[in-house]
Amino acid sequence: ILFNDAMQHRNEKDAHGALWLAGRLPSPEDAEVTLQLRLRQKWDQHSSKEALQRASDLLPAAAAGGLELEDFMDALDLAEFHSLRSQQGSASAAVEKLLKALEKPLFGTVQQLLRDN
């Protein structure tokens, strides 16, 4: 309950506290996956989706370059990082789709900058 509440409220500190607590709880001897590992995978999957959403939100501003483009790329890196850790699939297709959407507007920005200088 603690962990789900932390995810719902996007409270990273409480989520990590719940992960810590789950690591201290005894697990059944025949359990292949510990509670802590299941929660960590859930957290990473959630974090990957949030990072993809952030990148999607930054997409229009990223086409102008500058800090917004850097923030966009950081969000994509974070999405890939968390998707690999979640072991629930890769974010590569979503990342590639966002990069493809950025390609044409960013190319236009670069051409304009080259003409201006």
Foldseek 3Di string as FASTA:
>chain_A
DQLVVCLVVVPPVSNVVVLVVQVVDDDDPPDPAGPSLLSLLVVLQSLLVVLLVVLVVLLVVLLLPDPSVVSNVVSLVSNQVSNVSSPPDGCVVSSVVSVVVSVVSNVVNVVVVVVVD
